[in-house]
Amino acid sequence: MEREKIKLTEEELENFDFTGGSKWELRGEVYEYVDEIRTDKYSDGPSWDTVVKRKSDDKYFKWNCWDAGTHNGYIMSDGDEYQIQEMFPKTVATITYE
């Protein structure tokens, strides 16, 4: 199954608060916060994936953001393309012994 990708234009990137919040609006669609996944171990500084759910069709998406320091601020990262990528939720069972 191919994942939907939403590539942001330069203008959308400038006006899109990808660092935090509980709701985002993009191209007439509303996205609600679901989770934040720390990805610090893969970057040179604080970084995380923000997982959201699109209200119109209940699809899940994520984007990565990292703190590039005081001179550069927060950056939405995805190589050369700034995009939001569809994700598929997965339930994982964990066994604990008490």
N, C-alpha and C. Protein backbone atom coordinates (compact mmCIF):
# COMPACT_ATOMS: atom_id res chain seq x y z
N MET A 1 0.84 -1.17 0.00
CA MET A 1 0.00 0.00 0.00
C MET A 1 0.90 1.25 0.00
N GLU A 2 0.64 2.14 -0.91
CA GLU A 2 1.44 3.37 -1.00
C GLU A 2 0.93 4.41 -0.01
N ARG A 3 1.89 5.10 0.62
CA ARG A 3 1.55 6.12 1.60
C ARG A 3 1.31 7.47 0.91
N GLU A 4 0.30 8.16 1.38
CA GLU A 4 0.04 9.51 0.89
C GLU A 4 1.12 10.45 1.42
N LYS A 5 1.63 11.32 0.57
CA LYS A 5 2.62 12.31 0.98
C LYS A 5 2.10 13.69 0.60
N ILE A 6 2.20 14.61 1.55
CA ILE A 6 1.77 15.98 1.31
C ILE A 6 3.01 16.85 1.34
N LYS A 7 3.43 17.30 0.17
CA LYS A 7 4.62 18.14 0.09
C LYS A 7 4.21 19.59 0.31
N LEU A 8 4.87 20.24 1.27
CA LEU A 8 4.55 21.63 1.57
C LEU A 8 5.27 22.58 0.61
N THR A 9 4.56 23.61 0.19
CA THR A 9 5.18 24.65 -0.61
C THR A 9 6.00 25.54 0.32
N GLU A 10 6.85 26.38 -0.21
CA GLU A 10 7.64 27.30 0.60
C GLU A 10 6.73 28.20 1.44
N GLU A 11 5.65 28.68 0.84
CA GLU A 11 4.71 29.55 1.56
C GLU A 11 4.03 28.80 2.69
N GLU A 12 3.59 27.55 2.44
CA GLU A 12 2.95 26.75 3.49
C GLU A 12 3.94 26.48 4.62
N LEU A 13 5.18 26.21 4.27
CA LEU A 13 6.20 25.93 5.27
C LEU A 13 6.43 27.14 6.17
N GLU A 14 6.44 28.33 5.59
CA GLU A 14 6.64 29.56 6.36
C GLU A 14 5.49 29.81 7.33
N ASN A 15 4.26 29.43 6.94
CA ASN A 15 3.08 29.73 7.75
C ASN A 15 2.59 28.56 8.61
N PHE A 16 3.24 27.42 8.52
CA PHE A 16 2.79 26.21 9.21
C PHE A 16 3.58 26.03 10.49
N ASP A 17 2.91 26.06 11.64
CA ASP A 17 3.58 25.88 12.92
C ASP A 17 3.73 24.38 13.18
N PHE A 18 4.84 23.82 12.72
CA PHE A 18 5.05 22.39 12.81
C PHE A 18 5.71 21.97 14.13
N THR A 19 5.99 22.93 15.03
CA THR A 19 6.71 22.61 16.26
C THR A 19 5.80 22.18 17.40
N GLY A 20 4.54 22.49 17.36
CA GLY A 20 3.67 22.09 18.46
C GLY A 20 2.26 22.58 18.28
N GLY A 21 1.40 22.11 19.14
CA GLY A 21 0.00 22.50 19.07
C GLY A 21 -0.89 21.30 19.27
N SER A 22 -2.18 21.52 19.15
CA SER A 22 -3.11 20.41 19.28
C SER A 22 -3.95 20.24 18.02
N LYS A 23 -3.99 21.30 17.19
CA LYS A 23 -4.72 21.24 15.91
C LYS A 23 -3.94 22.04 14.88
N TRP A 24 -3.94 21.55 13.65
CA TRP A 24 -3.31 22.25 12.54
C TRP A 24 -4.31 22.27 11.40
N GLU A 25 -4.27 23.32 10.62
CA GLU A 25 -5.10 23.39 9.42
C GLU A 25 -4.18 23.58 8.23
N LEU A 26 -4.40 22.77 7.22
CA LEU A 26 -3.59 22.82 6.00
C LEU A 26 -4.47 22.47 4.82
N ARG A 27 -4.55 23.37 3.85
CA ARG A 27 -5.33 23.16 2.62
C ARG A 27 -6.77 22.78 2.91
N GLY A 28 -7.35 23.44 3.91
CA GLY A 28 -8.75 23.21 4.24
C GLY A 28 -9.02 21.96 5.05
N GLU A 29 -7.98 21.24 5.44
CA GLU A 29 -8.12 20.03 6.25
C GLU A 29 -7.65 20.31 7.67
N VAL A 30 -8.28 19.69 8.64
CA VAL A 30 -7.89 19.84 10.04
C VAL A 30 -7.19 18.56 10.49
N TYR A 31 -6.05 18.75 11.14
CA TYR A 31 -5.25 17.65 11.67
C TYR A 31 -5.16 17.82 13.18
N GLU A 32 -5.41 16.74 13.92
CA GLU A 32 -5.38 16.79 15.38
C GLU A 32 -4.19 15.99 15.91
N TYR A 33 -3.59 16.53 16.97
CA TYR A 33 -2.43 15.90 17.61
C TYR A 33 -2.79 14.51 18.14
N VAL A 34 -1.87 13.56 17.92
CA VAL A 34 -2.02 12.20 18.45
C VAL A 34 -0.86 11.85 19.37
N ASP A 35 0.37 12.10 18.92
CA ASP A 35 1.53 11.67 19.70
C ASP A 35 2.79 12.41 19.25
N GLU A 36 3.79 12.38 20.12
CA GLU A 36 5.11 12.91 19.79
C GLU A 36 6.12 11.80 20.07
N ILE A 37 6.95 11.49 19.09
CA ILE A 37 7.94 10.43 19.23
C ILE A 37 9.32 11.05 19.17
N ARG A 38 10.07 10.91 20.24
CA ARG A 38 11.43 11.48 20.29
C ARG A 38 12.34 10.72 19.33
N THR A 39 13.12 11.49 18.54
CA THR A 39 14.06 10.90 17.58
C THR A 39 15.47 11.44 17.79
N ASP A 40 15.75 11.92 19.01
CA ASP A 40 17.05 12.53 19.32
C ASP A 40 18.23 11.64 18.95
N LYS A 41 18.10 10.35 19.13
CA LYS A 41 19.23 9.46 18.88
C LYS A 41 19.64 9.41 17.40
N TYR A 42 18.80 9.94 16.53
CA TYR A 42 19.10 9.95 15.10
C TYR A 42 19.56 11.31 14.59
N SER A 43 19.70 12.31 15.48
CA SER A 43 20.05 13.66 15.02
C SER A 43 21.11 14.28 15.92
N ASP A 44 21.55 15.47 15.55
CA ASP A 44 22.58 16.19 16.30
C ASP A 44 22.02 17.00 17.46
N GLY A 45 20.75 16.94 17.69
CA GLY A 45 20.13 17.71 18.76
C GLY A 45 18.72 17.24 19.01
N PRO A 46 17.95 17.99 19.78
CA PRO A 46 16.57 17.60 20.07
C PRO A 46 15.75 17.48 18.77
N SER A 47 15.08 16.36 18.61
CA SER A 47 14.24 16.16 17.42
C SER A 47 13.09 15.22 17.78
N TRP A 48 12.03 15.30 17.00
CA TRP A 48 10.85 14.49 17.26
C TRP A 48 9.99 14.38 16.02
N ASP A 49 9.19 13.32 15.98
CA ASP A 49 8.14 13.16 14.98
C ASP A 49 6.84 13.57 15.65
N THR A 50 6.04 14.35 14.95
CA THR A 50 4.70 14.69 15.42
C THR A 50 3.72 13.85 14.62
N VAL A 51 2.88 13.10 15.33
CA VAL A 51 1.87 12.25 14.69
C VAL A 51 0.52 12.94 14.86
N VAL A 52 -0.21 13.06 13.75
CA VAL A 52 -1.52 13.71 13.75
C VAL A 52 -2.53 12.83 13.02
N LYS A 53 -3.79 13.14 13.23
CA LYS A 53 -4.88 12.42 12.56
C LYS A 53 -5.71 13.42 11.79
N ARG A 54 -5.91 13.18 10.50
CA ARG A 54 -6.73 14.06 9.66
C ARG A 54 -8.19 13.75 9.94
N LYS A 55 -8.95 14.77 10.32
CA LYS A 55 -10.34 14.59 10.74
C LYS A 55 -11.25 14.10 9.63
N SER A 56 -11.01 14.50 8.40
CA SER A 56 -11.95 14.18 7.32
C SER A 56 -12.00 12.69 6.99
N ASP A 57 -10.88 11.97 7.17
CA ASP A 57 -10.86 10.56 6.79
C ASP A 57 -10.16 9.65 7.80
N ASP A 58 -9.80 10.21 8.96
CA ASP A 58 -9.15 9.46 10.03
C ASP A 58 -7.82 8.82 9.62
N LYS A 59 -7.12 9.41 8.65
CA LYS A 59 -5.79 8.93 8.28
C LYS A 59 -4.76 9.57 9.21
N TYR A 60 -3.70 8.82 9.50
CA TYR A 60 -2.63 9.30 10.36
C TYR A 60 -1.45 9.77 9.52
N PHE A 61 -0.81 10.86 9.98
CA PHE A 61 0.34 11.42 9.29
C PHE A 61 1.40 11.80 10.31
N LYS A 62 2.63 11.98 9.84
CA LYS A 62 3.69 12.46 10.72
C LYS A 62 4.64 13.35 9.95
N TRP A 63 5.33 14.21 10.70
CA TRP A 63 6.44 14.98 10.16
C TRP A 63 7.52 15.04 11.22
N ASN A 64 8.75 15.29 10.79
CA ASN A 64 9.87 15.36 11.71
C ASN A 64 10.28 16.82 11.89
N CYS A 65 10.66 17.17 13.10
CA CYS A 65 11.10 18.52 13.43
C CYS A 65 12.33 18.40 14.31
N TRP A 66 13.29 19.30 14.12
CA TRP A 66 14.44 19.31 15.02
C TRP A 66 14.86 20.72 15.35
N ASP A 67 15.48 20.84 16.53
CA ASP A 67 15.94 22.13 17.02
C ASP A 67 17.35 22.34 16.50
N ALA A 68 17.50 23.27 15.57
CA ALA A 68 18.79 23.50 14.92
C ALA A 68 19.63 24.54 15.65
N GLY A 69 19.23 24.91 16.85
CA GLY A 69 20.02 25.86 17.63
C GLY A 69 19.48 27.27 17.59
N THR A 70 20.09 28.15 18.38
CA THR A 70 19.59 29.51 18.53
C THR A 70 19.65 30.31 17.24
N HIS A 71 20.60 30.03 16.37
CA HIS A 71 20.74 30.81 15.13
C HIS A 71 19.79 30.34 14.02
N ASN A 72 19.44 29.05 14.04
CA ASN A 72 18.62 28.49 12.97
C ASN A 72 17.19 28.18 13.37
N GLY A 73 16.93 28.06 14.66
CA GLY A 73 15.57 27.78 15.13
C GLY A 73 15.13 26.36 14.85
N TYR A 74 13.83 26.15 14.77
CA TYR A 74 13.27 24.83 14.52
C TYR A 74 13.17 24.61 13.02
N ILE A 75 13.45 23.38 12.61
CA ILE A 75 13.43 23.04 11.19
C ILE A 75 12.58 21.79 10.99
N MET A 76 11.67 21.83 10.01
CA MET A 76 10.95 20.63 9.61
C MET A 76 11.89 19.90 8.68
N SER A 77 12.21 18.67 9.01
CA SER A 77 13.21 17.98 8.21
C SER A 77 12.61 16.79 7.48
N ASP A 78 13.04 16.60 6.28
CA ASP A 78 12.75 15.43 5.46
C ASP A 78 13.62 15.52 4.22
N GLY A 79 14.92 15.51 4.41
CA GLY A 79 15.82 15.62 3.27
C GLY A 79 15.62 16.93 2.56
N ASP A 80 15.53 16.88 1.25
CA ASP A 80 15.34 18.09 0.45
C ASP A 80 13.87 18.46 0.30
N GLU A 81 12.98 17.57 0.70
CA GLU A 81 11.56 17.83 0.56
C GLU A 81 10.93 17.98 1.94
N TYR A 82 10.09 18.97 2.10
CA TYR A 82 9.36 19.16 3.34
C TYR A 82 7.98 18.56 3.14
N GLN A 83 7.76 17.44 3.80
CA GLN A 83 6.49 16.76 3.56
C GLN A 83 5.94 16.12 4.83
N ILE A 84 4.67 15.88 4.75
CA ILE A 84 3.95 15.15 5.79
C ILE A 84 3.62 13.80 5.15
N GLN A 85 3.95 12.73 5.87
CA GLN A 85 3.78 11.40 5.30
C GLN A 85 2.75 10.59 6.08
N GLU A 86 1.91 9.88 5.33
CA GLU A 86 0.91 9.02 5.95
C GLU A 86 1.58 7.90 6.74
N MET A 87 0.98 7.59 7.88
CA MET A 87 1.47 6.51 8.74
C MET A 87 0.31 5.55 9.00
N PHE A 88 0.65 4.32 9.30
CA PHE A 88 -0.36 3.32 9.62
C PHE A 88 -0.18 2.90 11.08
N PRO A 89 -1.21 3.08 11.91
CA PRO A 89 -1.06 2.69 13.31
C PRO A 89 -0.87 1.18 13.44
N LYS A 90 -0.09 0.78 14.41
CA LYS A 90 0.20 -0.62 14.65
C LYS A 90 0.11 -0.87 16.15
N THR A 91 -0.62 -1.88 16.53
CA THR A 91 -0.75 -2.24 17.93
C THR A 91 0.33 -3.26 18.26
N VAL A 92 1.05 -3.01 19.36
CA VAL A 92 2.11 -3.90 19.79
C VAL A 92 1.79 -4.38 21.20
N ALA A 93 1.77 -5.69 21.37
CA ALA A 93 1.52 -6.27 22.70
C ALA A 93 2.85 -6.36 23.45
N THR A 94 2.82 -6.00 24.72
CA THR A 94 4.01 -6.09 25.56
C THR A 94 3.72 -7.04 26.72
N ILE A 95 4.63 -7.96 26.96
CA ILE A 95 4.49 -8.90 28.06
C ILE A 95 5.35 -8.41 29.22
N THR A 96 4.74 -8.30 30.39
CA THR A 96 5.49 -7.94 31.60
C THR A 96 5.27 -9.04 32.62
N TYR A 97 6.21 -9.19 33.51
CA TYR A 97 6.12 -10.20 34.55
C TYR A 97 6.15 -9.50 35.90
N GLU A 98 5.17 -9.74 36.74
CA GLU A 98 5.07 -9.09 38.04
C GLU A 98 5.19 -10.10 39.16
